[in-house]
Amino acid sequence: MTLIAIDVGGTSMKAALVPAPSGAAGSGAATGADVLLAETWPTDRTDPVGGILDFAAHMAARAGALGRPARAAGIAVPGIVDEASGTAVRAANLGWQDVPLLHLAEERLGVPVAVGHDVRTGGLAEAVLGAGRDAGDFVFMAIGTGIAAALILNGTTYPGVSGWSGEVGHVVVRPGGEDCACGNKGCLETYASAASIARHYTTRAAALTPTGGSGTVASAAGSTLGAAGALDGAADSTAALDGAGGGVGGDVGGVRAEDVIARASTDDLAARIWSEALDCLADSLAATTLLLDPGLFVLGGGLAQAGPLLLEPLEARLADRLLFRPAPPLAVTRLGDRAAVHGAALLAARLL
């Protein structure tokens, strides 16, 4: 018998079949590295709900072909999610609102289904299987095309009263600052997401490039990482508000966030943009620390693939903002872009 685990992103969906646990439900014993089969499908932007159901049915058929029928399924989706009712409340980039996904999936598959928020589901996986395994209370923050977080209390996720917990990307860190897609100004996401880093570099570099100059903005930014190649092949990851995922992400006009980060030591413009992003992230982490007193921050999403280029300056900035108390340690995800898939499997296991 198997579990179906699906992670829905704005551009692609990841899925896995894992053995159904024989021990305590949700123990994680059978939802770690023991993956029987994994597949990726493009997200159907014209009919995303139909695409999810088709993908789930396809995975159920694959399980049957293996002679190990599915017993339950877990589906992690972006946006605002009411996990108790299994409703995908809103995902602007996928164009849905108040979708009864749990009901639709159970009707299609004929097995119990759990629906979870993608970042909270990834945080759950980090709590059971990953970097937060021994942390107890911690915050998982996914930094990619957008930014969102999951609060983990006693090893389980806290969704909030109505499923809006963790929208840290829309905390104002620069009052009166840049317009955000949420309607506010100066949100964290507009300065520190991978998409924003790439966009800021593109627009500012274009303004500095003389008309008729020989180089393009993309070539000015650089297209390879050289010695900073730790960011190569950065993972795709999703997060709310409608997907904080995408590689290190946010390719804008041929410029990627990893290009900007890699050039920060030699390019003044890149250095200023990266420093501003780090300052905004540190402001957010400091405020979260003072409010929640977490034992650890686990950083996921594409930008976490920067490793020491992210952790070392961010740790220093966070310490500078918490002079009267120790700063919580920072760690990067151990599960990478598969965190939400593992988390979806855990949700499915808890149904047994």
Protein backbone atom coordinates (compact mmCIF):
# COMPACT_ATOMS: atom_id res chain seq x y z
CA MET A 1 0.00 0.00 0.00
CA THR A 2 1.17 3.51 -0.77
CA LEU A 3 0.56 7.19 -0.08
CA ILE A 4 0.22 9.83 -2.81
CA ALA A 5 2.01 13.10 -2.05
CA ILE A 6 1.59 16.15 -4.31
CA ASP A 7 3.10 19.63 -4.12
CA VAL A 8 1.38 22.15 -6.41
CA GLY A 9 3.43 25.10 -7.65
CA GLY A 10 2.64 27.97 -9.94
CA THR A 11 4.57 26.44 -12.85
CA SER A 12 4.95 22.76 -11.97
CA MET A 13 3.63 20.04 -9.68
CA LYS A 14 5.78 17.45 -7.94
CA ALA A 15 4.46 14.12 -6.75
CA ALA A 16 5.73 10.98 -5.10
CA LEU A 17 4.49 7.55 -4.10
CA VAL A 18 5.80 6.47 -0.70
CA PRO A 19 5.11 3.35 1.34
CA ALA A 20 2.20 3.67 3.75
CA PRO A 21 3.57 3.55 7.31
CA SER A 22 3.25 0.34 9.26
CA GLY A 23 3.85 2.05 12.60
CA ALA A 24 2.18 5.02 14.22
CA ALA A 25 0.41 7.21 11.67
CA GLY A 26 2.45 10.21 10.67
CA SER A 27 5.58 8.95 12.42
CA GLY A 28 7.61 9.76 9.36
CA ALA A 29 9.16 6.30 9.32
CA ALA A 30 7.86 5.62 5.84
CA THR A 31 7.76 9.13 4.45
CA GLY A 32 11.42 10.06 4.43
CA ALA A 33 13.88 9.00 1.77
CA ASP A 34 11.95 5.83 0.83
CA VAL A 35 10.26 7.12 -2.34
CA LEU A 36 8.91 4.45 -4.66
CA LEU A 37 8.30 6.73 -7.61
CA ALA A 38 8.47 10.48 -8.29
CA GLU A 39 7.08 12.53 -11.16
CA THR A 40 6.73 16.18 -12.18
CA TRP A 41 3.97 17.64 -14.31
CA PRO A 42 3.48 21.21 -15.56
CA THR A 43 0.74 23.10 -13.76
CA ASP A 44 -2.27 23.58 -16.00
CA ARG A 45 -2.79 27.34 -15.82
CA THR A 46 -6.07 27.19 -17.77
CA ASP A 47 -7.61 24.55 -15.48
CA PRO A 48 -5.34 24.14 -12.43
CA VAL A 49 -7.88 22.25 -10.33
CA GLY A 50 -8.59 19.80 -13.14
CA GLY A 51 -4.85 19.41 -13.66
CA ILE A 52 -4.29 18.59 -9.98
CA LEU A 53 -7.05 15.99 -10.01
CA ASP A 54 -5.70 14.45 -13.22
CA PHE A 55 -2.20 14.27 -11.76
CA ALA A 56 -3.50 12.68 -8.56
CA ALA A 57 -5.47 10.12 -10.59
CA HIS A 58 -2.38 9.40 -12.67
CA MET A 59 -0.33 8.74 -9.52
CA ALA A 60 -3.09 6.50 -8.18
CA ALA A 61 -2.95 4.52 -11.44
CA ARG A 62 0.83 4.24 -11.12
CA ALA A 63 0.40 2.92 -7.58
CA GLY A 64 -2.05 0.32 -8.83
CA ALA A 65 0.34 -0.70 -11.59
CA LEU A 66 3.01 -1.30 -8.96
CA GLY A 67 0.63 -3.63 -7.14
CA ARG A 68 0.56 -1.24 -4.17
CA PRO A 69 -2.74 0.66 -4.30
CA ALA A 70 -2.96 4.09 -2.70
CA ARG A 71 -4.50 4.26 0.78
CA ALA A 72 -4.50 8.06 1.19
CA ALA A 73 -3.26 11.25 -0.44
CA GLY A 74 -1.83 14.56 0.68
CA ILE A 75 -1.94 17.67 -1.51
CA ALA A 76 0.00 20.85 -0.71
CA VAL A 77 -1.19 24.00 -2.48
CA PRO A 78 -0.17 27.67 -2.50
CA GLY A 79 -2.20 30.69 -1.47
CA ILE A 80 -4.62 30.82 1.43
CA VAL A 81 -5.72 27.39 2.62
CA ASP A 82 -8.36 26.32 5.14
CA GLU A 83 -6.77 23.04 6.11
CA ALA A 84 -9.56 21.97 8.45
CA SER A 85 -12.13 21.94 5.64
CA GLY A 86 -9.68 21.16 2.84
CA THR A 87 -10.61 24.33 0.97
CA ALA A 88 -8.19 26.19 -1.31
CA VAL A 89 -9.46 29.64 -0.33
CA ARG A 90 -7.52 31.82 -2.73
CA ALA A 91 -4.55 31.61 -5.05
CA ALA A 92 -4.40 34.64 -7.31
CA ASN A 93 -1.70 33.29 -9.59
CA LEU A 94 -3.68 30.09 -10.19
CA GLY A 95 -6.99 31.90 -10.50
CA TRP A 96 -9.02 29.94 -7.97
CA GLN A 97 -11.17 30.88 -5.00
CA ASP A 98 -12.98 28.73 -2.43
CA VAL A 99 -12.21 25.45 -4.18
CA PRO A 100 -13.41 22.39 -2.16
CA LEU A 101 -10.26 20.53 -3.10
CA LEU A 102 -10.48 17.85 -0.42
CA HIS A 103 -14.01 16.88 -1.51
CA LEU A 104 -13.10 16.92 -5.20
CA ALA A 105 -9.95 14.84 -4.67
CA GLU A 106 -11.65 12.28 -2.46
CA GLU A 107 -14.44 11.94 -5.02
CA ARG A 108 -11.88 11.41 -7.81
CA LEU A 109 -9.53 9.06 -5.95
CA GLY A 110 -11.83 7.17 -3.62
CA VAL A 111 -9.36 7.42 -0.73
CA PRO A 112 -8.98 9.84 2.20
CA VAL A 113 -7.26 13.10 1.26
CA ALA A 114 -5.58 15.85 3.29
CA VAL A 115 -5.07 19.34 1.87
CA GLY A 116 -2.33 21.58 3.27
CA HIS A 117 -0.73 24.96 2.73
CA ASP A 118 2.51 24.46 0.83
CA VAL A 119 4.84 26.34 3.18
CA ARG A 120 3.26 24.95 6.35
CA THR A 121 3.46 21.49 4.79
CA GLY A 122 7.15 22.05 4.03
CA GLY A 123 7.67 23.26 7.59
CA LEU A 124 6.01 20.11 8.92
CA ALA A 125 8.42 17.99 6.89
CA GLU A 126 11.39 19.94 8.25
CA ALA A 127 10.04 19.38 11.78
CA VAL A 128 9.69 15.61 11.34
CA LEU A 129 12.45 14.78 8.86
CA GLY A 130 14.66 17.81 8.29
CA ALA A 131 16.56 20.70 9.81
CA GLY A 132 13.99 21.32 12.56
CA ARG A 133 13.78 17.73 13.71
CA ASP A 134 15.23 18.44 17.18
CA ALA A 135 14.17 22.08 17.44
CA GLY A 136 10.66 21.83 18.90
CA ASP A 137 9.48 25.38 18.23
CA PHE A 138 10.92 27.05 15.13
CA VAL A 139 10.04 29.16 12.10
CA PHE A 140 10.39 27.83 8.57
CA MET A 141 10.73 30.66 6.04
CA ALA A 142 10.59 30.02 2.30
CA ILE A 143 12.29 32.72 0.21
CA GLY A 144 11.81 32.41 -3.51
CA THR A 145 9.68 34.29 -6.02
CA GLY A 146 7.74 35.37 -2.93
CA ILE A 147 8.26 34.98 0.81
CA ALA A 148 6.15 33.12 3.36
CA ALA A 149 6.71 31.35 6.66
CA ALA A 150 5.37 28.53 8.80
CA LEU A 151 5.27 28.62 12.58
CA ILE A 152 6.06 25.21 14.11
CA LEU A 153 4.90 24.72 17.71
CA ASN A 154 5.76 21.49 19.51
CA GLY A 155 6.53 19.87 16.19
CA THR A 156 3.28 20.79 14.45
CA THR A 157 2.17 23.71 12.30
CA TYR A 158 0.05 26.62 13.44
CA PRO A 159 -2.32 27.76 10.66
CA GLY A 160 -3.91 30.66 12.52
CA VAL A 161 -7.61 31.27 13.00
CA SER A 162 -8.48 31.45 9.30
CA GLY A 163 -5.46 30.01 7.50
CA TRP A 164 -3.56 33.29 7.05
CA SER A 165 -0.67 32.47 9.37
CA GLY A 166 2.81 32.98 7.96
CA GLU A 167 2.29 35.80 5.44
CA VAL A 168 5.53 37.39 6.56
CA GLY A 169 6.29 38.49 3.01
CA HIS A 170 3.61 41.13 3.45
CA VAL A 171 4.92 42.57 6.69
CA VAL A 172 5.88 46.19 6.02
CA VAL A 173 9.62 46.63 6.54
CA ARG A 174 9.99 49.94 4.68
CA PRO A 175 6.94 52.14 5.45
CA GLY A 176 5.88 54.15 2.43
CA GLY A 177 8.21 52.13 0.23
CA GLU A 178 7.71 50.29 -3.03
CA ASP A 179 4.24 49.20 -4.10
CA CYS A 180 3.46 45.54 -3.39
CA ALA A 181 1.05 43.30 -5.27
CA CYS A 182 -0.96 42.92 -2.06
CA GLY A 183 -1.88 46.62 -2.22
CA ASN A 184 0.43 47.82 0.53
CA LYS A 185 3.77 49.61 0.31
CA GLY A 186 7.18 48.53 1.53
CA CYS A 187 6.45 44.82 2.12
CA LEU A 188 9.33 42.45 2.78
CA GLU A 189 8.57 40.58 -0.42
CA THR A 190 9.12 43.68 -2.56
CA TYR A 191 12.74 43.96 -1.38
CA ALA A 192 14.00 40.52 -0.40
CA SER A 193 12.31 37.93 -2.61
CA ALA A 194 14.36 36.42 -5.41
CA ALA A 195 12.07 38.00 -7.99
CA SER A 196 12.49 41.44 -6.44
CA ILE A 197 16.27 41.15 -6.24
CA ALA A 198 16.43 40.28 -9.93
CA ARG A 199 13.93 43.01 -10.86
CA HIS A 200 15.72 45.73 -8.88
CA TYR A 201 19.01 44.89 -10.54
CA THR A 202 17.45 44.79 -14.00
CA THR A 203 15.71 48.15 -13.71
CA ARG A 204 18.58 49.98 -12.03
CA ALA A 205 21.20 48.53 -14.37
CA ALA A 206 19.08 49.54 -17.36
CA ALA A 207 18.92 53.09 -16.04
CA LEU A 208 22.72 53.15 -15.81
CA THR A 209 23.31 51.65 -19.28
CA PRO A 210 23.95 54.35 -21.92
CA THR A 211 21.67 54.27 -24.95
CA GLY A 212 23.36 52.31 -27.68
CA GLY A 213 25.79 50.72 -25.26
CA SER A 214 27.34 47.47 -26.32
CA GLY A 215 26.25 45.37 -23.35
CA THR A 216 22.80 44.14 -22.39
CA VAL A 217 21.50 44.21 -18.85
CA ALA A 218 21.75 40.46 -18.76
CA SER A 219 25.41 40.51 -19.72
CA ALA A 220 26.04 43.28 -17.22
CA ALA A 221 24.62 41.07 -14.52
CA GLY A 222 26.60 38.06 -15.59
CA SER A 223 25.07 34.73 -16.47
CA THR A 224 27.29 32.32 -14.58
CA LEU A 225 28.41 31.98 -11.02
CA GLY A 226 32.00 30.87 -11.42
CA ALA A 227 33.43 30.15 -7.97
CA ALA A 228 30.06 30.99 -6.43
CA GLY A 229 28.55 27.97 -8.15
CA ALA A 230 26.92 26.78 -4.94
CA LEU A 231 23.77 28.34 -6.34
CA ASP A 232 23.83 26.37 -9.59
CA GLY A 233 20.78 24.23 -10.13
CA ALA A 234 18.94 25.92 -7.28
CA ALA A 235 15.79 24.10 -6.34
CA ASP A 236 12.28 25.00 -7.36
CA SER A 237 10.13 25.56 -4.31
CA THR A 238 6.71 27.01 -3.72
CA ALA A 239 5.30 29.24 -1.06
CA ALA A 240 2.39 31.53 -0.47
CA LEU A 241 1.22 34.24 -1.28
CA ASP A 242 0.74 32.14 -4.40
CA GLY A 243 4.14 30.60 -4.59
CA ALA A 244 7.32 31.80 -3.07
CA GLY A 245 9.01 29.26 -5.24
CA GLY A 246 10.89 29.23 -8.46
CA GLY A 247 14.69 28.45 -8.51
CA VAL A 248 16.79 30.86 -6.55
CA GLY A 249 14.41 32.33 -8.79
CA GLY A 250 12.73 35.26 -10.32
CA ASP A 251 14.54 35.34 -13.66
CA VAL A 252 13.81 38.88 -14.90
CA GLY A 253 15.02 39.87 -18.35
CA GLY A 254 17.77 37.22 -18.25
CA VAL A 255 19.01 38.31 -14.80
CA ARG A 256 18.57 35.94 -11.88
CA ALA A 257 18.84 36.57 -8.17
CA GLU A 258 21.82 34.22 -8.02
CA ASP A 259 23.63 36.38 -10.57
CA VAL A 260 23.14 39.43 -8.39
CA ILE A 261 24.29 37.63 -5.24
CA ALA A 262 27.35 36.18 -6.96
CA ARG A 263 28.45 39.62 -8.21
CA ALA A 264 27.84 41.47 -4.94
CA SER A 265 31.53 41.35 -4.00
CA THR A 266 32.65 43.09 -7.21
CA ASP A 267 29.62 45.03 -8.48
CA ASP A 268 28.50 48.10 -6.49
CA LEU A 269 24.93 47.95 -7.77
CA ALA A 270 24.60 44.26 -6.95
CA ALA A 271 26.14 44.88 -3.53
CA ARG A 272 23.62 47.62 -2.71
CA ILE A 273 20.64 45.54 -3.79
CA TRP A 274 21.80 42.44 -1.94
CA SER A 275 22.60 44.46 1.19
CA GLU A 276 19.13 46.03 1.13
CA ALA A 277 17.53 42.60 0.80
CA LEU A 278 19.58 41.27 3.72
CA ASP A 279 18.67 44.27 5.87
CA CYS A 280 14.97 43.75 5.18
CA LEU A 281 15.22 40.03 5.94
CA ALA A 282 17.08 40.79 9.18
CA ASP A 283 14.42 43.32 10.19
CA SER A 284 11.73 40.69 9.64
CA LEU A 285 13.62 37.96 11.51
CA ALA A 286 14.34 40.31 14.42
CA ALA A 287 10.66 41.26 14.75
CA THR A 288 9.67 37.60 14.56
CA THR A 289 12.25 36.73 17.22
CA LEU A 290 10.98 39.36 19.64
CA LEU A 291 7.36 38.32 19.12
CA LEU A 292 7.70 34.52 19.13
CA ASP A 293 11.11 33.67 20.63
CA PRO A 294 11.66 30.70 18.28
CA GLY A 295 14.46 28.26 18.87
CA LEU A 296 15.57 28.25 15.24
CA PHE A 297 14.93 29.73 11.80
CA VAL A 298 15.00 27.23 8.94
CA LEU A 299 15.37 28.96 5.57
CA GLY A 300 13.98 27.28 2.48
CA GLY A 301 12.94 28.27 -1.00
CA GLY A 302 15.33 28.95 -3.83
CA LEU A 303 17.26 31.74 -2.12
CA ALA A 304 18.35 29.37 0.65
CA GLN A 305 20.54 27.66 -1.94
CA ALA A 306 22.89 30.62 -1.57
CA GLY A 307 24.17 28.92 1.60
CA PRO A 308 26.92 30.92 3.33
CA LEU A 309 26.37 33.89 1.00
CA LEU A 310 22.98 34.22 2.68
CA LEU A 311 23.53 32.80 6.17
CA GLU A 312 26.71 34.58 7.20
CA PRO A 313 25.70 38.20 6.48
CA LEU A 314 22.13 37.54 7.64
CA GLU A 315 23.34 36.10 10.96
CA ALA A 316 25.50 39.18 11.54
CA ARG A 317 22.68 41.59 10.72
CA LEU A 318 20.23 39.72 12.94
CA ALA A 319 22.66 39.81 15.87
CA ASP A 320 23.09 43.57 15.39
CA ARG A 321 19.33 43.99 15.82
CA LEU A 322 19.11 41.88 18.99
CA LEU A 323 21.79 43.42 21.17
CA PHE A 324 20.09 42.58 24.48
CA ARG A 325 19.46 38.90 23.76
CA PRO A 326 21.00 36.07 21.73
CA ALA A 327 19.75 35.65 18.19
CA PRO A 328 18.22 32.29 17.25
CA PRO A 329 20.45 30.18 15.00
CA LEU A 330 19.80 30.04 11.27
CA ALA A 331 19.85 26.86 9.20
CA VAL A 332 18.97 25.94 5.64
CA THR A 333 16.46 23.30 4.68
CA ARG A 334 17.67 19.72 4.57
CA LEU A 335 14.84 18.63 2.29
CA GLY A 336 15.27 21.31 -0.38
CA ASP A 337 12.61 21.53 -3.05
CA ARG A 338 11.08 18.23 -1.90
CA ALA A 339 10.04 19.51 1.54
CA ALA A 340 6.39 20.04 0.65
CA VAL A 341 6.20 16.61 -1.04
CA HIS A 342 7.51 14.95 2.12
CA GLY A 343 5.09 17.05 4.15
CA ALA A 344 2.17 16.02 1.94
CA ALA A 345 3.09 12.39 2.58
CA LEU A 346 3.06 13.08 6.32
CA LEU A 347 -0.41 14.62 6.04
CA ALA A 348 -1.60 11.56 4.15
CA ALA A 349 -0.08 9.21 6.74
CA ARG A 350 -1.99 10.96 9.51
CA LEU A 351 -5.25 9.94 7.86
CA LEU A 352 -4.58 6.25 8.40
